[in-house]
PDB file of N, CA and C in Angstrom:
ATOM      1  N   UNK A   1      37.650  23.192   2.743  1.00  0.00           N
ATOM      2  CA  UNK A   1      38.075  24.117   3.783  1.00  0.00           C
ATOM      3  C   UNK A   1      39.077  23.454   4.739  1.00  0.00           C
ATOM      4  N   UNK A   2      38.964  22.133   4.873  1.00  0.00           N
ATOM      5  CA  UNK A   2      39.882  21.432   5.774  1.00  0.00           C
ATOM      6  C   UNK A   2      41.328  21.553   5.284  1.00  0.00           C
ATOM      7  N   UNK A   3      41.535  21.449   3.963  1.00  0.00           N
ATOM      8  CA  UNK A   3      42.888  21.592   3.407  1.00  0.00           C
ATOM      9  C   UNK A   3      43.409  23.010   3.634  1.00  0.00           C
ATOM     10  N   UNK A   4      42.542  23.995   3.529  1.00  0.00           N
ATOM     11  CA  UNK A   4      42.940  25.385   3.772  1.00  0.00           C
ATOM     12  C   UNK A   4      43.330  25.574   5.231  1.00  0.00           C
ATOM     13  N   UNK A   5      42.558  24.980   6.139  1.00  0.00           N
ATOM     14  CA  UNK A   5      42.875  25.085   7.569  1.00  0.00           C
ATOM     15  C   UNK A   5      44.205  24.402   7.871  1.00  0.00           C
ATOM     16  N   UNK A   6      44.447  23.240   7.261  1.00  0.00           N
ATOM     17  CA  UNK A   6      45.714  22.526   7.473  1.00  0.00           C
ATOM     18  C   UNK A   6      46.887  23.360   6.956  1.00  0.00           C
ATOM     19  N   UNK A   7      46.724  23.981   5.801  1.00  0.00           N
ATOM     20  CA  UNK A   7      47.782  24.825   5.241  1.00  0.00           C
ATOM     21  C   UNK A   7      48.068  26.016   6.162  1.00  0.00           C
ATOM     22  N   UNK A   8      47.005  26.644   6.654  1.00  0.00           N
ATOM     23  CA  UNK A   8      47.186  27.799   7.526  1.00  0.00           C
ATOM     24  C   UNK A   8      47.868  27.393   8.839  1.00  0.00           C
ATOM     25  N   UNK A   9      47.473  26.265   9.410  1.00  0.00           N
ATOM     26  CA  UNK A   9      48.116  25.778  10.641  1.00  0.00           C
ATOM     27  C   UNK A   9      49.608  25.563  10.393  1.00  0.00           C
ATOM     28  N   UNK A  10      49.935  24.923   9.284  1.00  0.00           N
ATOM     29  CA  UNK A  10      51.331  24.682   8.924  1.00  0.00           C
ATOM     30  C   UNK A  10      52.084  26.003   8.816  1.00  0.00           C
ATOM     31  N   UNK A  11      51.505  26.969   8.128  1.00  0.00           N
ATOM     32  CA  UNK A  11      52.179  28.245   7.908  1.00  0.00           C
ATOM     33  C   UNK A  11      52.343  29.046   9.195  1.00  0.00           C
ATOM     34  N   UNK A  12      51.365  28.974  10.081  1.00  0.00           N
ATOM     35  CA  UNK A  12      51.484  29.662  11.368  1.00  0.00           C
ATOM     36  C   UNK A  12      52.606  29.040  12.206  1.00  0.00           C
ATOM     37  N   UNK A  13      52.678  27.724  12.225  1.00  0.00           N
ATOM     38  CA  UNK A  13      53.764  27.056  12.956  1.00  0.00           C
ATOM     39  C   UNK A  13      55.124  27.395  12.335  1.00  0.00           C
ATOM     40  N   UNK A  14      55.175  27.439  11.019  1.00  0.00           N
ATOM     41  CA  UNK A  14      56.402  27.794  10.307  1.00  0.00           C
ATOM     42  C   UNK A  14      56.836  29.213  10.681  1.00  0.00           C
ATOM     43  N   UNK A  15      55.891  30.138  10.724  1.00  0.00           N
ATOM     44  CA  UNK A  15      56.192  31.523  11.105  1.00  0.00           C
ATOM     45  C   UNK A  15      56.745  31.581  12.528  1.00  0.00           C
ATOM     46  N   UNK A  16      56.144  30.823  13.429  1.00  0.00           N
ATOM     47  CA  UNK A  16      56.599  30.794  14.815  1.00  0.00           C
ATOM     48  C   UNK A  16      58.018  30.219  14.914  1.00  0.00           C
ATOM     49  N   UNK A  17      58.287  29.148  14.192  1.00  0.00           N
ATOM     50  CA  UNK A  17      59.619  28.543  14.206  1.00  0.00           C
ATOM     51  C   UNK A  17      60.666  29.483  13.605  1.00  0.00           C
ATOM     52  N   UNK A  18      60.300  30.182  12.532  1.00  0.00           N
ATOM     53  CA  UNK A  18      61.224  31.148  11.924  1.00  0.00           C
ATOM     54  C   UNK A  18      61.562  32.276  12.886  1.00  0.00           C
ATOM     55  N   UNK A  19      60.554  32.754  13.605  1.00  0.00           N
ATOM     56  CA  UNK A  19      60.781  33.829  14.570  1.00  0.00           C
ATOM     57  C   UNK A  19      61.790  33.389  15.631  1.00  0.00           C
ATOM     58  N   UNK A  20      61.626  32.177  16.131  1.00  0.00           N
ATOM     59  CA  UNK A  20      62.528  31.662  17.168  1.00  0.00           C
ATOM     60  C   UNK A  20      63.931  31.435  16.605  1.00  0.00           C
ATOM     61  N   UNK A  21      64.017  30.760  15.466  1.00  0.00           N
ATOM     62  CA  UNK A  21      65.331  30.396  14.927  1.00  0.00           C
ATOM     63  C   UNK A  21      66.122  31.600  14.418  1.00  0.00           C
ATOM     64  N   UNK A  22      65.437  32.665  14.022  1.00  0.00           N
ATOM     65  CA  UNK A  22      66.118  33.869  13.530  1.00  0.00           C
ATOM     66  C   UNK A  22      66.171  34.993  14.561  1.00  0.00           C
ATOM     67  N   UNK A  23      65.591  34.758  15.750  1.00  0.00           N
ATOM     68  CA  UNK A  23      65.505  35.802  16.788  1.00  0.00           C
ATOM     69  C   UNK A  23      64.966  37.101  16.204  1.00  0.00           C
ATOM     70  N   UNK A  24      63.902  36.958  15.425  1.00  0.00           N
ATOM     71  CA  UNK A  24      63.333  38.087  14.691  1.00  0.00           C
ATOM     72  C   UNK A  24      61.821  37.914  14.606  1.00  0.00           C
ATOM     73  N   UNK A  25      61.078  38.966  14.854  1.00  0.00           N
ATOM     74  CA  UNK A  25      59.619  38.872  14.810  1.00  0.00           C
ATOM     75  C   UNK A  25      59.115  38.598  13.397  1.00  0.00           C
ATOM     76  N   UNK A  26      58.143  37.683  13.321  1.00  0.00           N
ATOM     77  CA  UNK A  26      57.514  37.328  12.048  1.00  0.00           C
ATOM     78  C   UNK A  26      56.019  37.612  12.172  1.00  0.00           C
ATOM     79  N   UNK A  27      55.478  38.315  11.187  1.00  0.00           N
ATOM     80  CA  UNK A  27      54.057  38.664  11.176  1.00  0.00           C
ATOM     81  C   UNK A  27      53.324  37.853  10.119  1.00  0.00           C
ATOM     82  N   UNK A  28      52.165  37.340  10.529  1.00  0.00           N
ATOM     83  CA  UNK A  28      51.252  36.716   9.584  1.00  0.00           C
ATOM     84  C   UNK A  28      50.130  37.728   9.390  1.00  0.00           C
ATOM     85  N   UNK A  29      50.133  38.372   8.225  1.00  0.00           N
ATOM     86  CA  UNK A  29      49.150  39.416   7.917  1.00  0.00           C
ATOM     87  C   UNK A  29      47.908  38.771   7.319  1.00  0.00           C
ATOM     88  N   UNK A  30      46.796  38.871   8.039  1.00  0.00           N
ATOM     89  CA  UNK A  30      45.525  38.309   7.586  1.00  0.00           C
ATOM     90  C   UNK A  30      44.783  39.385   6.804  1.00  0.00           C
ATOM     91  N   UNK A  31      44.751  39.251   5.506  1.00  0.00           N
ATOM     92  CA  UNK A  31      44.095  40.235   4.648  1.00  0.00           C
ATOM     93  C   UNK A  31      42.748  39.674   4.201  1.00  0.00           C
ATOM     94  N   UNK A  32      41.786  39.691   5.121  1.00  0.00           N
ATOM     95  CA  UNK A  32      40.472  39.101   4.840  1.00  0.00           C
ATOM     96  C   UNK A  32      39.807  39.766   3.637  1.00  0.00           C
ATOM     97  N   UNK A  33      40.000  41.080   3.474  1.00  0.00           N
ATOM     98  CA  UNK A  33      39.369  41.775   2.344  1.00  0.00           C
ATOM     99  C   UNK A  33      39.895  41.269   1.002  1.00  0.00           C
ATOM    100  N   UNK A  34      41.131  40.745   0.976  1.00  0.00           N
ATOM    101  CA  UNK A  34      41.707  40.171  -0.245  1.00  0.00           C
ATOM    102  C   UNK A  34      41.696  38.647  -0.229  1.00  0.00           C
ATOM    103  N   UNK A  35      41.101  38.072   0.839  1.00  0.00           N
ATOM    104  CA  UNK A  35      40.979  36.615   0.999  1.00  0.00           C
ATOM    105  C   UNK A  35      42.341  35.929   0.899  1.00  0.00           C
ATOM    106  N   UNK A  36      43.314  36.476   1.651  1.00  0.00           N
ATOM    107  CA  UNK A  36      44.656  35.907   1.634  1.00  0.00           C
ATOM    108  C   UNK A  36      45.385  36.245   2.933  1.00  0.00           C
ATOM    109  N   UNK A  37      46.510  35.562   3.131  1.00  0.00           N
ATOM    110  CA  UNK A  37      47.406  35.924   4.226  1.00  0.00           C
ATOM    111  C   UNK A  37      48.831  35.807   3.715  1.00  0.00           C
ATOM    112  N   UNK A  38      49.737  36.478   4.415  1.00  0.00           N
ATOM    113  CA  UNK A  38      51.139  36.471   4.001  1.00  0.00           C
ATOM    114  C   UNK A  38      52.037  36.459   5.227  1.00  0.00           C
ATOM    115  N   UNK A  39      53.263  36.002   5.034  1.00  0.00           N
ATOM    116  CA  UNK A  39      54.271  36.004   6.081  1.00  0.00           C
ATOM    117  C   UNK A  39      55.278  37.100   5.768  1.00  0.00           C
ATOM    118  N   UNK A  40      55.566  37.916   6.794  1.00  0.00           N
ATOM    119  CA  UNK A  40      56.475  39.049   6.618  1.00  0.00           C
ATOM    120  C   UNK A  40      57.393  39.178   7.827  1.00  0.00           C
ATOM    121  N   UNK A  41      58.584  39.745   7.583  1.00  0.00           N
ATOM    122  CA  UNK A  41      59.452  40.130   8.691  1.00  0.00           C
ATOM    123  C   UNK A  41      58.850  41.399   9.277  1.00  0.00           C
ATOM    124  N   UNK A  42      58.624  41.422  10.587  1.00  0.00           N
ATOM    125  CA  UNK A  42      57.964  42.590  11.180  1.00  0.00           C
ATOM    126  C   UNK A  42      58.837  43.844  11.105  1.00  0.00           C
ATOM    127  N   UNK A  43      60.147  43.701  11.286  1.00  0.00           N
ATOM    128  CA  UNK A  43      61.005  44.884  11.351  1.00  0.00           C
ATOM    129  C   UNK A  43      61.134  45.611  10.016  1.00  0.00           C
ATOM    130  N   UNK A  44      61.049  44.903   8.913  1.00  0.00           N
ATOM    131  CA  UNK A  44      61.192  45.545   7.604  1.00  0.00           C
ATOM    132  C   UNK A  44      59.886  45.592   6.819  1.00  0.00           C
ATOM    133  N   UNK A  45      58.920  44.732   7.179  1.00  0.00           N
ATOM    134  CA  UNK A  45      57.678  44.648   6.426  1.00  0.00           C
ATOM    135  C   UNK A  45      57.836  43.887   5.121  1.00  0.00           C
ATOM    136  N   UNK A  46      59.048  43.348   4.886  1.00  0.00           N
ATOM    137  CA  UNK A  46      59.314  42.614   3.644  1.00  0.00           C
ATOM    138  C   UNK A  46      58.659  41.238   3.693  1.00  0.00           C
ATOM    139  N   UNK A  47      58.097  40.841   2.549  1.00  0.00           N
ATOM    140  CA  UNK A  47      57.541  39.505   2.463  1.00  0.00           C
ATOM    141  C   UNK A  47      58.640  38.479   2.648  1.00  0.00           C
ATOM    142  N   UNK A  48      58.282  37.406   3.319  1.00  0.00           N
ATOM    143  CA  UNK A  48      59.193  36.287   3.452  1.00  0.00           C
ATOM    144  C   UNK A  48      59.156  35.488   2.147  1.00  0.00           C
ATOM    145  N   UNK A  49      60.297  35.020   1.668  1.00  0.00           N
ATOM    146  CA  UNK A  49      60.266  34.193   0.465  1.00  0.00           C
ATOM    147  C   UNK A  49      59.791  32.776   0.803  1.00  0.00           C
ATOM    148  N   UNK A  50      59.171  32.145  -0.155  1.00  0.00           N
ATOM    149  CA  UNK A  50      58.773  30.747   0.042  1.00  0.00           C
ATOM    150  C   UNK A  50      60.034  29.897   0.159  1.00  0.00           C
ATOM    151  N   UNK A  51      60.050  28.910   1.049  1.00  0.00           N
ATOM    152  CA  UNK A  51      61.245  28.095   1.247  1.00  0.00           C
ATOM    153  C   UNK A  51      61.698  27.369  -0.018  1.00  0.00           C
ATOM    154  N   UNK A  52      60.772  26.922  -0.837  1.00  0.00           N
ATOM    155  CA  UNK A  52      61.133  26.181  -2.050  1.00  0.00           C
ATOM    156  C   UNK A  52      61.201  27.097  -3.270  1.00  0.00           C
ATOM    157  N   UNK A  53      61.268  28.389  -3.026  1.00  0.00           N
ATOM    158  CA  UNK A  53      61.275  29.344  -4.139  1.00  0.00           C
ATOM    159  C   UNK A  53      59.861  29.675  -4.560  1.00  0.00           C
ATOM    160  N   UNK A  54      59.725  30.400  -5.613  1.00  0.00           N
ATOM    161  CA  UNK A  54      58.384  30.707  -6.100  1.00  0.00           C
ATOM    162  C   UNK A  54      57.837  32.026  -5.615  1.00  0.00           C
ATOM    163  N   UNK A  55      58.692  32.922  -5.156  1.00  0.00           N
ATOM    164  CA  UNK A  55      58.225  34.265  -4.826  1.00  0.00           C
ATOM    165  C   UNK A  55      57.880  34.480  -3.370  1.00  0.00           C
ATOM    166  N   UNK A  56      57.066  35.483  -3.140  1.00  0.00           N
ATOM    167  CA  UNK A  56      56.678  35.885  -1.787  1.00  0.00           C
ATOM    168  C   UNK A  56      55.768  34.850  -1.141  1.00  0.00           C
ATOM    169  N   UNK A  57      55.835  34.777   0.180  1.00  0.00           N
ATOM    170  CA  UNK A  57      55.028  33.822   0.937  1.00  0.00           C
ATOM    171  C   UNK A  57      53.630  34.398   1.118  1.00  0.00           C
ATOM    172  N   UNK A  58      52.791  34.196   0.108  1.00  0.00           N
ATOM    173  CA  UNK A  58      51.406  34.658   0.133  1.00  0.00           C
ATOM    174  C   UNK A  58      50.526  33.453  -0.208  1.00  0.00           C
ATOM    175  N   UNK A  59      49.484  33.240   0.602  1.00  0.00           N
ATOM    176  CA  UNK A  59      48.535  32.161   0.344  1.00  0.00           C
ATOM    177  C   UNK A  59      47.177  32.798   0.049  1.00  0.00           C
ATOM    178  N   UNK A  60      46.633  32.492  -1.122  1.00  0.00           N
ATOM    179  CA  UNK A  60      45.345  33.039  -1.552  1.00  0.00           C
ATOM    180  C   UNK A  60      44.269  31.968  -1.457  1.00  0.00           C
ATOM    181  N   UNK A  61      43.122  32.374  -0.931  1.00  0.00           N
ATOM    182  CA  UNK A  61      41.958  31.493  -0.896  1.00  0.00           C
ATOM    183  C   UNK A  61      40.994  31.904  -2.006  1.00  0.00           C
ATOM    184  N   UNK A  62      40.064  31.008  -2.325  1.00  0.00           N
ATOM    185  CA  UNK A  62      39.073  31.300  -3.354  1.00  0.00           C
ATOM    186  C   UNK A  62      39.566  31.017  -4.759  1.00  0.00           C
ATOM    187  N   UNK A  63      40.745  30.404  -4.877  1.00  0.00           N
ATOM    188  CA  UNK A  63      41.316  30.063  -6.188  1.00  0.00           C
ATOM    189  C   UNK A  63      42.302  28.924  -6.008  1.00  0.00           C
ATOM    190  N   UNK A  64      42.824  28.414  -7.107  1.00  0.00           N
ATOM    191  CA  UNK A  64      43.852  27.374  -7.060  1.00  0.00           C
ATOM    192  C   UNK A  64      43.454  26.173  -6.233  1.00  0.00           C
ATOM    193  N   UNK A  65      44.291  25.853  -5.243  1.00  0.00           N
ATOM    194  CA  UNK A  65      44.047  24.694  -4.387  1.00  0.00           C
ATOM    195  C   UNK A  65      42.895  24.900  -3.405  1.00  0.00           C
ATOM    196  N   UNK A  66      42.460  26.149  -3.228  1.00  0.00           N
ATOM    197  CA  UNK A  66      41.446  26.451  -2.208  1.00  0.00           C
ATOM    198  C   UNK A  66      40.236  27.199  -2.779  1.00  0.00           C
ATOM    199  N   UNK A  67      39.560  26.625  -3.801  1.00  0.00           N
ATOM    200  CA  UNK A  67      38.374  27.292  -4.337  1.00  0.00           C
ATOM    201  C   UNK A  67      37.251  27.287  -3.299  1.00  0.00           C
ATOM    202  N   UNK A  68      36.383  28.242  -3.359  1.00  0.00           N
ATOM    203  CA  UNK A  68      35.213  28.322  -2.466  1.00  0.00           C
ATOM    204  C   UNK A  68      35.587  28.464  -0.996  1.00  0.00           C
ATOM    205  N   UNK A  69      36.780  28.952  -0.715  1.00  0.00           N
ATOM    206  CA  UNK A  69      37.192  29.174   0.677  1.00  0.00           C
ATOM    207  C   UNK A  69      37.297  30.674   0.902  1.00  0.00           C
ATOM    208  N   UNK A  70      36.591  31.145   1.919  1.00  0.00           N
ATOM    209  CA  UNK A  70      36.704  32.542   2.317  1.00  0.00           C
ATOM    210  C   UNK A  70      37.168  32.602   3.753  1.00  0.00           C
ATOM    211  N   UNK A  71      38.061  33.518   4.024  1.00  0.00           N
ATOM    212  CA  UNK A  71      38.668  33.649   5.343  1.00  0.00           C
ATOM    213  C   UNK A  71      38.190  34.937   5.995  1.00  0.00           C
ATOM    214  N   UNK A  72      38.032  34.885   7.313  1.00  0.00           N
ATOM    215  CA  UNK A  72      37.811  36.101   8.095  1.00  0.00           C
ATOM    216  C   UNK A  72      38.666  35.998   9.356  1.00  0.00           C
ATOM    217  N   UNK A  73      38.856  37.124  10.026  1.00  0.00           N
ATOM    218  CA  UNK A  73      39.658  37.137  11.246  1.00  0.00           C
ATOM    219  C   UNK A  73      39.063  38.120  12.239  1.00  0.00           C
ATOM    220  N   UNK A  74      39.295  37.851  13.520  1.00  0.00           N
ATOM    221  CA  UNK A  74      38.833  38.777  14.560  1.00  0.00           C
ATOM    222  C   UNK A  74      40.014  39.508  15.201  1.00  0.00           C
ATOM    223  N   UNK A  75      41.210  39.291  14.663  1.00  0.00           N
ATOM    224  CA  UNK A  75      42.374  39.975  15.213  1.00  0.00           C
ATOM    225  C   UNK A  75      42.302  41.456  14.887  1.00  0.00           C
ATOM    226  N   UNK A  76      42.507  42.288  15.885  1.00  0.00           N
ATOM    227  CA  UNK A  76      42.569  43.720  15.636  1.00  0.00           C
ATOM    228  C   UNK A  76      43.757  44.022  14.740  1.00  0.00           C
ATOM    229  N   UNK A  77      43.551  44.763  13.677  1.00  0.00           N
ATOM    230  CA  UNK A  77      44.629  45.062  12.747  1.00  0.00           C
ATOM    231  C   UNK A  77      44.919  43.932  11.787  1.00  0.00           C
ATOM    232  N   UNK A  78      44.274  42.781  12.003  1.00  0.00           N
ATOM    233  CA  UNK A  78      44.414  41.663  11.075  1.00  0.00           C
ATOM    234  C   UNK A  78      45.789  41.029  11.020  1.00  0.00           C
ATOM    235  N   UNK A  79      46.555  41.133  12.098  1.00  0.00           N
ATOM    236  CA  UNK A  79      47.910  40.567  12.062  1.00  0.00           C
ATOM    237  C   UNK A  79      48.217  39.815  13.348  1.00  0.00           C
ATOM    238  N   UNK A  80      48.865  38.680  13.178  1.00  0.00           N
ATOM    239  CA  UNK A  80      49.389  37.907  14.298  1.00  0.00           C
ATOM    240  C   UNK A  80      50.895  37.891  14.138  1.00  0.00           C
ATOM    241  N   UNK A  81      51.591  38.343  15.166  1.00  0.00           N
ATOM    242  CA  UNK A  81      53.051  38.370  15.127  1.00  0.00           C
ATOM    243  C   UNK A  81      53.590  37.418  16.170  1.00  0.00           C
ATOM    244  N   UNK A  82      54.624  36.666  15.789  1.00  0.00           N
ATOM    245  CA  UNK A  82      55.339  35.828  16.748  1.00  0.00           C
ATOM    246  C   UNK A  82      56.647  36.533  17.054  1.00  0.00           C
ATOM    247  N   UNK A  83      56.925  36.721  18.356  1.00  0.00           N
ATOM    248  CA  UNK A  83      58.178  37.376  18.730  1.00  0.00           C
ATOM    249  C   UNK A  83      59.328  36.379  18.724  1.00  0.00           C
ATOM    250  N   UNK A  84      60.515  36.837  19.039  1.00  0.00           N
ATOM    251  CA  UNK A  84      61.722  36.007  18.952  1.00  0.00           C
ATOM    252  C   UNK A  84      61.681  34.794  19.881  1.00  0.00           C
ATOM    253  N   UNK A  85      60.749  34.778  20.823  1.00  0.00           N
ATOM    254  CA  UNK A  85      60.578  33.618  21.701  1.00  0.00           C
ATOM    255  C   UNK A  85      59.402  32.756  21.277  1.00  0.00           C
ATOM    256  N   UNK A  86      58.748  33.138  20.170  1.00  0.00           N
ATOM    257  CA  UNK A  86      57.620  32.363  19.680  1.00  0.00           C
ATOM    258  C   UNK A  86      56.288  32.714  20.311  1.00  0.00           C
ATOM    259  N   UNK A  87      56.273  33.783  21.094  1.00  0.00           N
ATOM    260  CA  UNK A  87      55.029  34.198  21.746  1.00  0.00           C
ATOM    261  C   UNK A  87      54.169  35.009  20.773  1.00  0.00           C
ATOM    262  N   UNK A  88      52.859  34.780  20.796  1.00  0.00           N
ATOM    263  CA  UNK A  88      51.970  35.507  19.887  1.00  0.00           C
ATOM    264  C   UNK A  88      51.695  36.929  20.372  1.00  0.00           C
ATOM    265  N   UNK A  89      51.682  37.860  19.419  1.00  0.00           N
ATOM    266  CA  UNK A  89      51.386  39.258  19.692  1.00  0.00           C
ATOM    267  C   UNK A  89      50.384  39.752  18.664  1.00  0.00           C
ATOM    268  N   UNK A  90      49.600  40.727  19.065  1.00  0.00           N
ATOM    269  CA  UNK A  90      48.710  41.418  18.139  1.00  0.00           C
ATOM    270  C   UNK A  90      49.315  42.796  17.973  1.00  0.00           C
ATOM    271  N   UNK A  91      50.011  43.007  16.869  1.00  0.00           N
ATOM    272  CA  UNK A  91      50.805  44.230  16.724  1.00  0.00           C
ATOM    273  C   UNK A  91      52.043  44.089  17.586  1.00  0.00           C
ATOM    274  N   UNK A  92      52.301  45.065  18.438  1.00  0.00           N
ATOM    275  CA  UNK A  92      53.462  45.021  19.335  1.00  0.00           C
ATOM    276  C   UNK A  92      53.118  44.443  20.710  1.00  0.00           C
ATOM    277  N   UNK A  93      51.830  44.263  20.980  1.00  0.00           N
ATOM    278  CA  UNK A  93      51.393  43.847  22.313  1.00  0.00           C
ATOM    279  C   UNK A  93      51.188  42.342  22.406  1.00  0.00           C
ATOM    280  N   UNK A  94      51.750  41.692  23.439  1.00  0.00           N
ATOM    281  CA  UNK A  94      51.506  40.255  23.621  1.00  0.00           C
ATOM    282  C   UNK A  94      50.011  39.978  23.770  1.00  0.00           C
ATOM    283  N   UNK A  95      49.564  38.869  23.225  1.00  0.00           N
ATOM    284  CA  UNK A  95      48.170  38.477  23.398  1.00  0.00           C
ATOM    285  C   UNK A  95      47.926  38.187  24.870  1.00  0.00           C
ATOM    286  N   UNK A  96      46.831  38.682  25.382  1.00  0.00           N
ATOM    287  CA  UNK A  96      46.493  38.453  26.781  1.00  0.00           C
ATOM    288  C   UNK A  96      45.424  37.387  26.940  1.00  0.00           C
ATOM    289  N   UNK A  97      44.663  37.155  25.876  1.00  0.00           N
ATOM    290  CA  UNK A  97      43.612  36.144  25.916  1.00  0.00           C
ATOM    291  C   UNK A  97      43.708  35.284  24.653  1.00  0.00           C
ATOM    292  N   UNK A  98      43.073  34.135  24.717  1.00  0.00           N
ATOM    293  CA  UNK A  98      43.003  33.262  23.547  1.00  0.00           C
ATOM    294  C   UNK A  98      42.311  34.021  22.422  1.00  0.00           C
ATOM    295  N   UNK A  99      42.820  33.893  21.207  1.00  0.00           N
ATOM    296  CA  UNK A  99      42.257  34.627  20.075  1.00  0.00           C
ATOM    297  C   UNK A  99      42.006  33.705  18.900  1.00  0.00           C
ATOM    298  N   UNK A 100      40.924  33.988  18.177  1.00  0.00           N
ATOM    299  CA  UNK A 100      40.637  33.276  16.935  1.00  0.00           C
ATOM    300  C   UNK A 100      41.381  33.987  15.814  1.00  0.00           C
ATOM    301  N   UNK A 101      42.385  33.312  15.272  1.00  0.00           N
ATOM    302  CA  UNK A 101      43.216  33.889  14.222  1.00  0.00           C
ATOM    303  C   UNK A 101      42.443  33.966  12.922  1.00  0.00           C
ATOM    304  N   UNK A 102      41.715  32.906  12.591  1.00  0.00           N
ATOM    305  CA  UNK A 102      40.984  32.868  11.331  1.00  0.00           C
ATOM    306  C   UNK A 102      39.753  31.983  11.457  1.00  0.00           C
ATOM    307  N   UNK A 103      38.743  32.329  10.675  1.00  0.00           N
ATOM    308  CA  UNK A 103      37.544  31.528  10.558  1.00  0.00           C
ATOM    309  C   UNK A 103      37.390  31.162   9.087  1.00  0.00           C
ATOM    310  N   UNK A 104      37.128  29.881   8.848  1.00  0.00           N
ATOM    311  CA  UNK A 104      36.991  29.353   7.496  1.00  0.00           C
ATOM    312  C   UNK A 104      35.621  28.697   7.351  1.00  0.00           C
ATOM    313  N   UNK A 105      35.194  28.377   6.123  1.00  0.00           N
ATOM    314  CA  UNK A 105      33.883  27.752   5.928  1.00  0.00           C
ATOM    315  C   UNK A 105      33.735  26.437   6.703  1.00  0.00           C
ATOM    316  N   UNK A 106      32.489  26.082   6.940  1.00  0.00           N
ATOM    317  CA  UNK A 106      32.189  24.816   7.607  1.00  0.00           C
ATOM    318  C   UNK A 106      32.453  24.846   9.098  1.00  0.00           C
ATOM    319  N   UNK A 107      32.528  26.037   9.676  1.00  0.00           N
ATOM    320  CA  UNK A 107      32.758  26.147  11.109  1.00  0.00           C
ATOM    321  C   UNK A 107      34.188  25.893  11.532  1.00  0.00           C
ATOM    322  N   UNK A 108      35.109  25.816  10.585  1.00  0.00           N
ATOM    323  CA  UNK A 108      36.514  25.605  10.914  1.00  0.00           C
ATOM    324  C   UNK A 108      37.172  26.924  11.297  1.00  0.00           C
ATOM    325  N   UNK A 109      38.155  26.831  12.142  1.00  0.00           N
ATOM    326  CA  UNK A 109      38.904  28.010  12.525  1.00  0.00           C
ATOM    327  C   UNK A 109      40.203  27.630  13.185  1.00  0.00           C
ATOM    328  N   UNK A 110      41.004  28.637  13.460  1.00  0.00           N
ATOM    329  CA  UNK A 110      42.284  28.435  14.133  1.00  0.00           C
ATOM    330  C   UNK A 110      42.369  29.398  15.296  1.00  0.00           C
ATOM    331  N   UNK A 111      42.736  28.855  16.442  1.00  0.00           N
ATOM    332  CA  UNK A 111      42.818  29.630  17.687  1.00  0.00           C
ATOM    333  C   UNK A 111      44.248  29.573  18.201  1.00  0.00           C
ATOM    334  N   UNK A 112      44.713  30.674  18.769  1.00  0.00           N
ATOM    335  CA  UNK A 112      46.061  30.734  19.335  1.00  0.00           C
ATOM    336  C   UNK A 112      45.955  31.063  20.830  1.00  0.00           C
ATOM    337  N   UNK A 113      46.823  30.424  21.611  1.00  0.00           N
ATOM    338  CA  UNK A 113      46.856  30.603  23.060  1.00  0.00           C
ATOM    339  C   UNK A 113      47.935  31.615  23.422  1.00  0.00           C
ATOM    340  N   UNK A 114      47.632  32.542  24.349  1.00  0.00           N
ATOM    341  CA  UNK A 114      48.648  33.510  24.769  1.00  0.00           C
ATOM    342  C   UNK A 114      49.874  32.817  25.362  1.00  0.00           C
ATOM    343  N   UNK A 115      50.973  33.513  25.399  1.00  0.00           N
ATOM    344  CA  UNK A 115      52.249  33.079  25.973  1.00  0.00           C
ATOM    345  C   UNK A 115      52.916  31.929  25.218  1.00  0.00           C
ATOM    346  N   UNK A 116      52.216  30.801  25.094  1.00  0.00           N
ATOM    347  CA  UNK A 116      52.847  29.636  24.471  1.00  0.00           C
ATOM    348  C   UNK A 116      52.764  29.677  22.949  1.00  0.00           C
ATOM    349  N   UNK A 117      51.745  30.316  22.404  1.00  0.00           N
ATOM    350  CA  UNK A 117      51.545  30.335  20.970  1.00  0.00           C
ATOM    351  C   UNK A 117      50.978  29.024  20.454  1.00  0.00           C
ATOM    352  N   UNK A 118      50.426  28.210  21.351  1.00  0.00           N
ATOM    353  CA  UNK A 118      49.830  26.938  20.937  1.00  0.00           C
ATOM    354  C   UNK A 118      48.693  27.206  19.965  1.00  0.00           C
ATOM    355  N   UNK A 119      48.694  26.489  18.858  1.00  0.00           N
ATOM    356  CA  UNK A 119      47.659  26.639  17.834  1.00  0.00           C
ATOM    357  C   UNK A 119      46.697  25.461  17.914  1.00  0.00           C
ATOM    358  N   UNK A 120      45.425  25.768  17.741  1.00  0.00           N
ATOM    359  CA  UNK A 120      44.393  24.736  17.853  1.00  0.00           C
ATOM    360  C   UNK A 120      43.413  24.880  16.689  1.00  0.00           C
ATOM    361  N   UNK A 121      43.082  23.761  16.069  1.00  0.00           N
ATOM    362  CA  UNK A 121      42.074  23.736  15.023  1.00  0.00           C
ATOM    363  C   UNK A 121      40.699  23.661  15.678  1.00  0.00           C
ATOM    364  N   UNK A 122      39.829  24.585  15.320  1.00  0.00           N
ATOM    365  CA  UNK A 122      38.456  24.596  15.845  1.00  0.00           C
ATOM    366  C   UNK A 122      37.572  23.925  14.807  1.00  0.00           C
ATOM    367  N   UNK A 123      36.778  22.969  15.266  1.00  0.00           N
ATOM    368  CA  UNK A 123      35.879  22.288  14.333  1.00  0.00           C
ATOM    369  C   UNK A 123      34.453  22.411  14.801  1.00  0.00           C
TER     370      UNK A 123
END
């Protein structure tokens, strides 16, 4: 689960950096029912391509590099969006309180801070 948490932290930071560098909102869609998350452009809903190629930016848990990992989220609507300034939003609304983006096995999780978008690994 630690490798899954590290991957998710990396991808969330990548989404935030992309939003800032492209002046375009980026959404990380947490699909707990499918045990996966994906990065998408918020304005078009199109999946972001993986930087090194290989198709859409979708990370699946419970298979491949992350067997026995199940993800859950407490975000309403299951999406975290970073605006063009890198600020975290839930849908179109800026986050007003600290939120748990994802919970993983072994008590691991990822938390995001309002305004700054600071990400923290919960252990």
